[in-house]
PDB file of all heavy atoms in Angstrom:
ATOM      1  N   SER A   1     -63.732  -0.628 -75.009  1.00  0.00           N
ATOM      2  CA  SER A   1     -63.915   0.179 -73.801  1.00  0.00           C
ATOM      3  C   SER A   1     -63.511  -0.583 -72.562  1.00  0.00           C
ATOM      4  O   SER A   1     -62.915  -0.055 -71.621  1.00  0.00           O
ATOM      5  CB  SER A   1     -65.368   0.632 -73.712  1.00  0.00           C
ATOM      6  OG  SER A   1     -65.712   1.461 -74.797  1.00  0.00           O
ATOM      7  N   VAL A   2     -63.795  -1.900 -72.547  1.00  0.00           N
ATOM      8  CA  VAL A   2     -63.363  -2.755 -71.421  1.00  0.00           C
ATOM      9  C   VAL A   2     -61.854  -2.814 -71.408  1.00  0.00           C
ATOM     10  O   VAL A   2     -61.208  -2.724 -70.343  1.00  0.00           O
ATOM     11  CB  VAL A   2     -63.998  -4.147 -71.505  1.00  0.00           C
ATOM     12  CG1 VAL A   2     -63.535  -5.008 -70.308  1.00  0.00           C
ATOM     13  CG2 VAL A   2     -65.528  -4.073 -71.532  1.00  0.00           C
ATOM     14  N   LEU A   3     -61.264  -3.034 -72.555  1.00  0.00           N
ATOM     15  CA  LEU A   3     -59.789  -3.136 -72.630  1.00  0.00           C
ATOM     16  C   LEU A   3     -59.100  -1.889 -72.102  1.00  0.00           C
ATOM     17  O   LEU A   3     -58.105  -1.979 -71.400  1.00  0.00           O
ATOM     18  CB  LEU A   3     -59.372  -3.376 -74.099  1.00  0.00           C
ATOM     19  CG  LEU A   3     -59.629  -4.763 -74.657  1.00  0.00           C
ATOM     20  CD1 LEU A   3     -59.394  -4.761 -76.168  1.00  0.00           C
ATOM     21  CD2 LEU A   3     -58.758  -5.812 -74.011  1.00  0.00           C
ATOM     22  N   LEU A   4     -59.649  -0.732 -72.424  1.00  0.00           N
ATOM     23  CA  LEU A   4     -59.018   0.494 -71.960  1.00  0.00           C
ATOM     24  C   LEU A   4     -59.150   0.683 -70.459  1.00  0.00           C
ATOM     25  O   LEU A   4     -58.252   1.162 -69.792  1.00  0.00           O
ATOM     26  CB  LEU A   4     -59.594   1.700 -72.699  1.00  0.00           C
ATOM     27  CG  LEU A   4     -58.886   2.047 -74.018  1.00  0.00           C
ATOM     28  CD1 LEU A   4     -59.430   3.358 -74.571  1.00  0.00           C
ATOM     29  CD2 LEU A   4     -57.384   2.089 -73.877  1.00  0.00           C
ATOM     30  N   ALA A   5     -60.323   0.320 -69.884  1.00  0.00           N
ATOM     31  CA  ALA A   5     -60.466   0.433 -68.435  1.00  0.00           C
ATOM     32  C   ALA A   5     -59.417  -0.439 -67.747  1.00  0.00           C
ATOM     33  O   ALA A   5     -58.801  -0.025 -66.735  1.00  0.00           O
ATOM     34  CB  ALA A   5     -61.879   0.034 -68.036  1.00  0.00           C
ATOM     35  N   TYR A   6     -59.224  -1.645 -68.282  1.00  0.00           N
ATOM     36  CA  TYR A   6     -58.243  -2.540 -67.677  1.00  0.00           C
ATOM     37  C   TYR A   6     -56.814  -2.118 -67.999  1.00  0.00           C
ATOM     38  O   TYR A   6     -55.867  -2.474 -67.278  1.00  0.00           O
ATOM     39  CB  TYR A   6     -58.511  -3.981 -68.071  1.00  0.00           C
ATOM     40  CG  TYR A   6     -59.578  -4.603 -67.160  1.00  0.00           C
ATOM     41  CD1 TYR A   6     -60.918  -4.522 -67.509  1.00  0.00           C
ATOM     42  CD2 TYR A   6     -59.217  -5.240 -66.002  1.00  0.00           C
ATOM     43  CE1 TYR A   6     -61.892  -5.070 -66.665  1.00  0.00           C
ATOM     44  CE2 TYR A   6     -60.170  -5.777 -65.146  1.00  0.00           C
ATOM     45  CZ  TYR A   6     -61.504  -5.707 -65.468  1.00  0.00           C
ATOM     46  OH  TYR A   6     -62.446  -6.217 -64.651  1.00  0.00           O
ATOM     47  N   SER A   7     -56.614  -1.369 -69.074  1.00  0.00           N
ATOM     48  CA  SER A   7     -55.281  -0.813 -69.351  1.00  0.00           C
ATOM     49  C   SER A   7     -54.864   0.126 -68.244  1.00  0.00           C
ATOM     50  O   SER A   7     -53.664   0.207 -67.903  1.00  0.00           O
ATOM     51  CB  SER A   7     -55.282  -0.088 -70.716  1.00  0.00           C
ATOM     52  OG  SER A   7     -55.470  -1.003 -71.758  1.00  0.00           O
ATOM     53  N   ARG A   8     -55.803   0.858 -67.692  1.00  0.00           N
ATOM     54  CA  ARG A   8     -55.510   1.743 -66.581  1.00  0.00           C
ATOM     55  C   ARG A   8     -54.980   0.931 -65.385  1.00  0.00           C
ATOM     56  O   ARG A   8     -54.048   1.323 -64.700  1.00  0.00           O
ATOM     57  CB  ARG A   8     -56.765   2.524 -66.204  1.00  0.00           C
ATOM     58  CG  ARG A   8     -56.557   3.586 -65.146  1.00  0.00           C
ATOM     59  CD  ARG A   8     -57.821   4.362 -64.868  1.00  0.00           C
ATOM     60  NE  ARG A   8     -58.193   5.219 -65.982  1.00  0.00           N
ATOM     61  CZ  ARG A   8     -59.271   5.064 -66.756  1.00  0.00           C
ATOM     62  NH1 ARG A   8     -60.094   4.036 -66.552  1.00  0.00           N
ATOM     63  NH2 ARG A   8     -59.513   5.880 -67.757  1.00  0.00           N
ATOM     64  N   ALA A   9     -55.623  -0.213 -65.156  1.00  0.00           N
ATOM     65  CA  ALA A   9     -55.195  -1.086 -64.043  1.00  0.00           C
ATOM     66  C   ALA A   9     -53.791  -1.624 -64.324  1.00  0.00           C
ATOM     67  O   ALA A   9     -52.962  -1.704 -63.404  1.00  0.00           O
ATOM     68  CB  ALA A   9     -56.205  -2.219 -63.863  1.00  0.00           C
ATOM     69  N   ILE A  10     -53.524  -2.023 -65.554  1.00  0.00           N
ATOM     70  CA  ILE A  10     -52.197  -2.557 -65.904  1.00  0.00           C
ATOM     71  C   ILE A  10     -51.118  -1.498 -65.625  1.00  0.00           C
ATOM     72  O   ILE A  10     -50.064  -1.809 -65.062  1.00  0.00           O
ATOM     73  CB  ILE A  10     -52.160  -2.965 -67.380  1.00  0.00           C
ATOM     74  CG1 ILE A  10     -53.030  -4.170 -67.633  1.00  0.00           C
ATOM     75  CG2 ILE A  10     -50.726  -3.252 -67.840  1.00  0.00           C
ATOM     76  CD1 ILE A  10     -53.190  -4.542 -69.090  1.00  0.00           C
ATOM     77  N   TYR A  11     -51.409  -0.285 -66.015  1.00  0.00           N
ATOM     78  CA  TYR A  11     -50.474   0.815 -65.791  1.00  0.00           C
ATOM     79  C   TYR A  11     -50.167   0.976 -64.285  1.00  0.00           C
ATOM     80  O   TYR A  11     -48.994   1.140 -63.904  1.00  0.00           O
ATOM     81  CB  TYR A  11     -51.074   2.107 -66.350  1.00  0.00           C
ATOM     82  CG  TYR A  11     -50.268   3.354 -66.056  1.00  0.00           C
ATOM     83  CD1 TYR A  11     -49.117   3.645 -66.770  1.00  0.00           C
ATOM     84  CD2 TYR A  11     -50.707   4.256 -65.076  1.00  0.00           C
ATOM     85  CE1 TYR A  11     -48.382   4.803 -66.501  1.00  0.00           C
ATOM     86  CE2 TYR A  11     -49.971   5.398 -64.806  1.00  0.00           C
ATOM     87  CZ  TYR A  11     -48.840   5.691 -65.528  1.00  0.00           C
ATOM     88  OH  TYR A  11     -48.120   6.816 -65.249  1.00  0.00           O
ATOM     89  N   ARG A  12     -51.174   0.886 -63.477  1.00  0.00           N
ATOM     90  CA  ARG A  12     -50.994   1.038 -62.025  1.00  0.00           C
ATOM     91  C   ARG A  12     -50.241  -0.139 -61.428  1.00  0.00           C
ATOM     92  O   ARG A  12     -49.405   0.017 -60.526  1.00  0.00           O
ATOM     93  CB  ARG A  12     -52.359   1.229 -61.366  1.00  0.00           C
ATOM     94  CG  ARG A  12     -52.975   2.566 -61.703  1.00  0.00           C
ATOM     95  CD  ARG A  12     -54.444   2.660 -61.296  1.00  0.00           C
ATOM     96  NE  ARG A  12     -54.960   4.024 -61.441  1.00  0.00           N
ATOM     97  CZ  ARG A  12     -56.240   4.357 -61.298  1.00  0.00           C
ATOM     98  NH1 ARG A  12     -57.142   3.423 -60.989  1.00  0.00           N
ATOM     99  NH2 ARG A  12     -56.611   5.613 -61.458  1.00  0.00           N
ATOM    100  N   LEU A  13     -50.544  -1.351 -61.913  1.00  0.00           N
ATOM    101  CA  LEU A  13     -49.830  -2.521 -61.397  1.00  0.00           C
ATOM    102  C   LEU A  13     -48.361  -2.476 -61.777  1.00  0.00           C
ATOM    103  O   LEU A  13     -47.474  -2.854 -61.005  1.00  0.00           O
ATOM    104  CB  LEU A  13     -50.494  -3.801 -61.930  1.00  0.00           C
ATOM    105  CG  LEU A  13     -51.874  -4.130 -61.389  1.00  0.00           C
ATOM    106  CD1 LEU A  13     -52.440  -5.344 -62.107  1.00  0.00           C
ATOM    107  CD2 LEU A  13     -51.856  -4.350 -59.874  1.00  0.00           C
ATOM    108  N   ALA A  14     -48.086  -2.039 -63.019  1.00  0.00           N
ATOM    109  CA  ALA A  14     -46.710  -1.950 -63.476  1.00  0.00           C
ATOM    110  C   ALA A  14     -45.937  -0.932 -62.620  1.00  0.00           C
ATOM    111  O   ALA A  14     -44.746  -1.155 -62.302  1.00  0.00           O
ATOM    112  CB  ALA A  14     -46.655  -1.557 -64.938  1.00  0.00           C
ATOM    113  N   ASP A  15     -46.617   0.143 -62.267  1.00  0.00           N
ATOM    114  CA  ASP A  15     -45.984   1.169 -61.439  1.00  0.00           C
ATOM    115  C   ASP A  15     -45.595   0.604 -60.058  1.00  0.00           C
ATOM    116  O   ASP A  15     -44.604   0.994 -59.475  1.00  0.00           O
ATOM    117  CB  ASP A  15     -46.936   2.362 -61.301  1.00  0.00           C
ATOM    118  CG  ASP A  15     -46.284   3.548 -60.607  1.00  0.00           C
ATOM    119  OD1 ASP A  15     -45.218   3.965 -61.061  1.00  0.00           O
ATOM    120  OD2 ASP A  15     -46.846   4.021 -59.617  1.00  0.00           O
ATOM    121  N   LYS A  16     -46.386  -0.366 -59.589  1.00  0.00           N
ATOM    122  CA  LYS A  16     -46.112  -1.025 -58.296  1.00  0.00           C
ATOM    123  C   LYS A  16     -45.194  -2.226 -58.423  1.00  0.00           C
ATOM    124  O   LYS A  16     -44.905  -2.914 -57.483  1.00  0.00           O
ATOM    125  CB  LYS A  16     -47.427  -1.470 -57.643  1.00  0.00           C
ATOM    126  CG  LYS A  16     -48.363  -0.343 -57.253  1.00  0.00           C
ATOM    127  CD  LYS A  16     -49.658  -0.913 -56.637  1.00  0.00           C
ATOM    128  CE  LYS A  16     -50.607   0.218 -56.243  1.00  0.00           C
ATOM    129  NZ  LYS A  16     -51.873  -0.335 -55.678  1.00  0.00           N
ATOM    130  N   LYS A  17     -44.776  -2.496 -59.687  1.00  0.00           N
ATOM    131  CA  LYS A  17     -43.931  -3.674 -59.982  1.00  0.00           C
ATOM    132  C   LYS A  17     -44.613  -4.991 -59.638  1.00  0.00           C
ATOM    133  O   LYS A  17     -43.966  -5.951 -59.224  1.00  0.00           O
ATOM    134  CB  LYS A  17     -42.562  -3.529 -59.264  1.00  0.00           C
ATOM    135  CG  LYS A  17     -41.757  -2.332 -59.758  1.00  0.00           C
ATOM    136  CD  LYS A  17     -40.407  -2.255 -59.035  1.00  0.00           C
ATOM    137  CE  LYS A  17     -39.447  -1.244 -59.687  1.00  0.00           C
ATOM    138  NZ  LYS A  17     -40.087  -0.006 -60.173  1.00  0.00           N
ATOM    139  N   ASP A  18     -45.883  -5.009 -59.799  1.00  0.00           N
ATOM    140  CA  ASP A  18     -46.700  -6.237 -59.614  1.00  0.00           C
ATOM    141  C   ASP A  18     -46.759  -6.966 -60.958  1.00  0.00           C
ATOM    142  O   ASP A  18     -47.765  -6.964 -61.653  1.00  0.00           O
ATOM    143  CB  ASP A  18     -48.084  -5.901 -59.089  1.00  0.00           C
ATOM    144  CG  ASP A  18     -48.904  -7.123 -58.752  1.00  0.00           C
ATOM    145  OD1 ASP A  18     -48.413  -8.249 -58.933  1.00  0.00           O
ATOM    146  OD2 ASP A  18     -50.055  -6.972 -58.286  1.00  0.00           O
ATOM    147  N   PHE A  19     -45.639  -7.587 -61.315  1.00  0.00           N
ATOM    148  CA  PHE A  19     -45.476  -8.149 -62.658  1.00  0.00           C
ATOM    149  C   PHE A  19     -46.140  -9.508 -62.805  1.00  0.00           C
ATOM    150  O   PHE A  19     -46.507 -10.171 -61.820  1.00  0.00           O
ATOM    151  CB  PHE A  19     -43.999  -8.231 -62.999  1.00  0.00           C
ATOM    152  CG  PHE A  19     -43.277  -6.903 -62.957  1.00  0.00           C
ATOM    153  CD1 PHE A  19     -42.100  -6.780 -62.212  1.00  0.00           C
ATOM    154  CD2 PHE A  19     -43.749  -5.794 -63.643  1.00  0.00           C
ATOM    155  CE1 PHE A  19     -41.422  -5.577 -62.158  1.00  0.00           C
ATOM    156  CE2 PHE A  19     -43.098  -4.576 -63.578  1.00  0.00           C
ATOM    157  CZ  PHE A  19     -41.918  -4.473 -62.849  1.00  0.00           C
ATOM    158  N   GLY A  20     -46.273  -9.962 -64.052  1.00  0.00           N
ATOM    159  CA  GLY A  20     -46.857 -11.265 -64.361  1.00  0.00           C
ATOM    160  C   GLY A  20     -48.126 -11.113 -65.157  1.00  0.00           C
ATOM    161  O   GLY A  20     -48.551 -10.016 -65.495  1.00  0.00           O
ATOM    162  N   CYS A  21     -48.689 -12.268 -65.466  1.00  0.00           N
ATOM    163  CA  CYS A  21     -49.949 -12.281 -66.236  1.00  0.00           C
ATOM    164  C   CYS A  21     -51.147 -12.238 -65.298  1.00  0.00           C
ATOM    165  O   CYS A  21     -51.170 -12.952 -64.274  1.00  0.00           O
ATOM    166  CB  CYS A  21     -50.012 -13.552 -67.109  1.00  0.00           C
ATOM    167  SG  CYS A  21     -51.388 -13.561 -68.272  1.00  0.00           S
ATOM    168  N   LYS A  22     -52.119 -11.448 -65.616  1.00  0.00           N
ATOM    169  CA  LYS A  22     -53.312 -11.280 -64.827  1.00  0.00           C
ATOM    170  C   LYS A  22     -54.556 -11.642 -65.661  1.00  0.00           C
ATOM    171  O   LYS A  22     -54.498 -11.644 -66.879  1.00  0.00           O
ATOM    172  CB  LYS A  22     -53.475  -9.839 -64.322  1.00  0.00           C
ATOM    173  CG  LYS A  22     -52.194  -9.202 -63.786  1.00  0.00           C
ATOM    174  CD  LYS A  22     -51.701  -9.851 -62.525  1.00  0.00           C
ATOM    175  CE  LYS A  22     -50.454  -9.140 -62.001  1.00  0.00           C
ATOM    176  NZ  LYS A  22     -49.889  -9.764 -60.786  1.00  0.00           N
ATOM    177  N   THR A  23     -55.671 -11.840 -64.981  1.00  0.00           N
ATOM    178  CA  THR A  23     -56.980 -11.889 -65.609  1.00  0.00           C
ATOM    179  C   THR A  23     -57.865 -10.930 -64.867  1.00  0.00           C
ATOM    180  O   THR A  23     -57.478 -10.328 -63.872  1.00  0.00           O
ATOM    181  CB  THR A  23     -57.609 -13.311 -65.555  1.00  0.00           C
ATOM    182  OG1 THR A  23     -58.028 -13.616 -64.221  1.00  0.00           O
ATOM    183  CG2 THR A  23     -56.619 -14.376 -66.042  1.00  0.00           C
ATOM    184  N   VAL A  24     -59.097 -10.764 -65.317  1.00  0.00           N
ATOM    185  CA  VAL A  24     -60.031  -9.865 -64.644  1.00  0.00           C
ATOM    186  C   VAL A  24     -60.251 -10.267 -63.207  1.00  0.00           C
ATOM    187  O   VAL A  24     -60.631  -9.425 -62.361  1.00  0.00           O
ATOM    188  CB  VAL A  24     -61.345  -9.744 -65.407  1.00  0.00           C
ATOM    189  CG1 VAL A  24     -61.179  -9.102 -66.766  1.00  0.00           C
ATOM    190  CG2 VAL A  24     -62.055 -11.109 -65.540  1.00  0.00           C
ATOM    191  N   PHE A  25     -60.055 -11.544 -62.882  1.00  0.00           N
ATOM    192  CA  PHE A  25     -60.251 -12.000 -61.494  1.00  0.00           C
ATOM    193  C   PHE A  25     -59.226 -11.385 -60.521  1.00  0.00           C
ATOM    194  O   PHE A  25     -59.471 -11.339 -59.322  1.00  0.00           O
ATOM    195  CB  PHE A  25     -60.150 -13.531 -61.414  1.00  0.00           C
ATOM    196  CG  PHE A  25     -61.196 -14.264 -62.162  1.00  0.00           C
ATOM    197  CD1 PHE A  25     -60.913 -15.497 -62.754  1.00  0.00           C
ATOM    198  CD2 PHE A  25     -62.481 -13.783 -62.319  1.00  0.00           C
ATOM    199  CE1 PHE A  25     -61.888 -16.191 -63.469  1.00  0.00           C
ATOM    200  CE2 PHE A  25     -63.453 -14.460 -63.005  1.00  0.00           C
ATOM    201  CZ  PHE A  25     -63.154 -15.684 -63.587  1.00  0.00           C
ATOM    202  N   ASP A  26     -58.088 -10.989 -61.048  1.00  0.00           N
ATOM    203  CA  ASP A  26     -57.002 -10.498 -60.203  1.00  0.00           C
ATOM    204  C   ASP A  26     -57.005  -8.975 -59.967  1.00  0.00           C
ATOM    205  O   ASP A  26     -56.173  -8.485 -59.228  1.00  0.00           O
ATOM    206  CB  ASP A  26     -55.664 -10.884 -60.854  1.00  0.00           C
ATOM    207  CG  ASP A  26     -55.559 -12.365 -61.115  1.00  0.00           C
ATOM    208  OD1 ASP A  26     -55.777 -13.148 -60.193  1.00  0.00           O
ATOM    209  OD2 ASP A  26     -55.283 -12.731 -62.283  1.00  0.00           O
ATOM    210  N   ILE A  27     -57.908  -8.277 -60.614  1.00  0.00           N
ATOM    211  CA  ILE A  27     -57.877  -6.813 -60.623  1.00  0.00           C
ATOM    212  C   ILE A  27     -58.951  -6.234 -59.689  1.00  0.00           C
ATOM    213  O   ILE A  27     -60.152  -6.500 -59.860  1.00  0.00           O
ATOM    214  CB  ILE A  27     -58.115  -6.261 -62.041  1.00  0.00           C
ATOM    215  CG1 ILE A  27     -57.121  -6.894 -63.033  1.00  0.00           C
ATOM    216  CG2 ILE A  27     -57.996  -4.761 -62.059  1.00  0.00           C
ATOM    217  CD1 ILE A  27     -55.671  -6.630 -62.733  1.00  0.00           C
ATOM    218  N   ALA A  28     -58.518  -5.434 -58.728  1.00  0.00           N
ATOM    219  CA  ALA A  28     -59.473  -4.757 -57.843  1.00  0.00           C
ATOM    220  C   ALA A  28     -60.258  -3.750 -58.650  1.00  0.00           C
ATOM    221  O   ALA A  28     -59.689  -3.025 -59.447  1.00  0.00           O
ATOM    222  CB  ALA A  28     -58.741  -4.092 -56.711  1.00  0.00           C
ATOM    223  N   PRO A  29     -61.581  -3.663 -58.442  1.00  0.00           N
ATOM    224  CA  PRO A  29     -62.406  -2.719 -59.241  1.00  0.00           C
ATOM    225  C   PRO A  29     -61.915  -1.290 -59.212  1.00  0.00           C
ATOM    226  O   PRO A  29     -61.997  -0.591 -60.229  1.00  0.00           O
ATOM    227  CB  PRO A  29     -63.799  -2.884 -58.613  1.00  0.00           C
ATOM    228  CG  PRO A  29     -63.823  -4.253 -58.028  1.00  0.00           C
ATOM    229  CD  PRO A  29     -62.405  -4.495 -57.553  1.00  0.00           C
ATOM    230  N   ALA A  30     -61.399  -0.839 -58.084  1.00  0.00           N
ATOM    231  CA  ALA A  30     -60.968   0.565 -58.004  1.00  0.00           C
ATOM    232  C   ALA A  30     -59.838   0.861 -58.957  1.00  0.00           C
ATOM    233  O   ALA A  30     -59.675   2.030 -59.345  1.00  0.00           O
ATOM    234  CB  ALA A  30     -60.554   0.888 -56.547  1.00  0.00           C
ATOM    235  N   LEU A  31     -59.073  -0.133 -59.362  1.00  0.00           N
ATOM    236  CA  LEU A  31     -57.957   0.117 -60.285  1.00  0.00           C
ATOM    237  C   LEU A  31     -58.399   0.465 -61.678  1.00  0.00           C
ATOM    238  O   LEU A  31     -57.642   0.990 -62.492  1.00  0.00           O
ATOM    239  CB  LEU A  31     -57.045  -1.114 -60.320  1.00  0.00           C
ATOM    240  CG  LEU A  31     -56.263  -1.449 -59.058  1.00  0.00           C
ATOM    241  CD1 LEU A  31     -55.398  -2.707 -59.282  1.00  0.00           C
ATOM    242  CD2 LEU A  31     -55.373  -0.292 -58.633  1.00  0.00           C
ATOM    243  N   LEU A  32     -59.688   0.179 -61.978  1.00  0.00           N
ATOM    244  CA  LEU A  32     -60.207   0.486 -63.314  1.00  0.00           C
ATOM    245  C   LEU A  32     -60.607   1.930 -63.478  1.00  0.00           C
ATOM    246  O   LEU A  32     -60.735   2.424 -64.597  1.00  0.00           O
ATOM    247  CB  LEU A  32     -61.434  -0.386 -63.608  1.00  0.00           C
ATOM    248  CG  LEU A  32     -61.328  -1.906 -63.417  1.00  0.00           C
ATOM    249  CD1 LEU A  32     -62.659  -2.548 -63.728  1.00  0.00           C
ATOM    250  CD2 LEU A  32     -60.238  -2.452 -64.280  1.00  0.00           C
ATOM    251  N   SER A  33     -60.836   2.605 -62.383  1.00  0.00           N
ATOM    252  CA  SER A  33     -61.470   3.915 -62.396  1.00  0.00           C
ATOM    253  C   SER A  33     -60.437   5.044 -62.348  1.00  0.00           C
ATOM    254  O   SER A  33     -59.450   4.969 -61.614  1.00  0.00           O
ATOM    255  CB  SER A  33     -62.441   4.065 -61.233  1.00  0.00           C
ATOM    256  OG  SER A  33     -62.967   5.387 -61.224  1.00  0.00           O
ATOM    257  N   PRO A  34     -60.700   6.126 -63.095  1.00  0.00           N
ATOM    258  CA  PRO A  34     -59.853   7.303 -62.949  1.00  0.00           C
ATOM    259  C   PRO A  34     -60.138   8.085 -61.670  1.00  0.00           C
ATOM    260  O   PRO A  34     -59.387   9.003 -61.310  1.00  0.00           O
ATOM    261  CB  PRO A  34     -60.205   8.143 -64.194  1.00  0.00           C
ATOM    262  CG  PRO A  34     -61.605   7.743 -64.531  1.00  0.00           C
ATOM    263  CD  PRO A  34     -61.705   6.286 -64.171  1.00  0.00           C
ATOM    264  N   LEU A  35     -61.227   7.739 -60.998  1.00  0.00           N
ATOM    265  CA  LEU A  35     -61.604   8.451 -59.775  1.00  0.00           C
ATOM    266  C   LEU A  35     -60.764   7.984 -58.598  1.00  0.00           C
ATOM    267  O   LEU A  35     -60.307   6.848 -58.538  1.00  0.00           O
ATOM    268  CB  LEU A  35     -63.088   8.221 -59.462  1.00  0.00           C
ATOM    269  CG  LEU A  35     -64.098   8.663 -60.520  1.00  0.00           C
ATOM    270  CD1 LEU A  35     -65.524   8.333 -60.082  1.00  0.00           C
ATOM    271  CD2 LEU A  35     -63.955  10.136 -60.819  1.00  0.00           C
ATOM    272  N   SER A  36     -60.593   8.884 -57.629  1.00  0.00           N
ATOM    273  CA  SER A  36     -59.877   8.533 -56.379  1.00  0.00           C
ATOM    274  C   SER A  36     -60.749   7.660 -55.480  1.00  0.00           C
ATOM    275  O   SER A  36     -61.941   7.552 -55.681  1.00  0.00           O
ATOM    276  CB  SER A  36     -59.485   9.818 -55.643  1.00  0.00           C
ATOM    277  OG  SER A  36     -60.683  10.430 -55.118  1.00  0.00           O
TER     278      SER A  36
END
């Protein structure tokens, strides 16, 4: 379930072309949520 929440963030970062390797430290919490 954690992996899927962060998969949503990966999808959004890829859309912005923010490439490279990330960890949970690099991900803004809002990117995990399906909510606006």
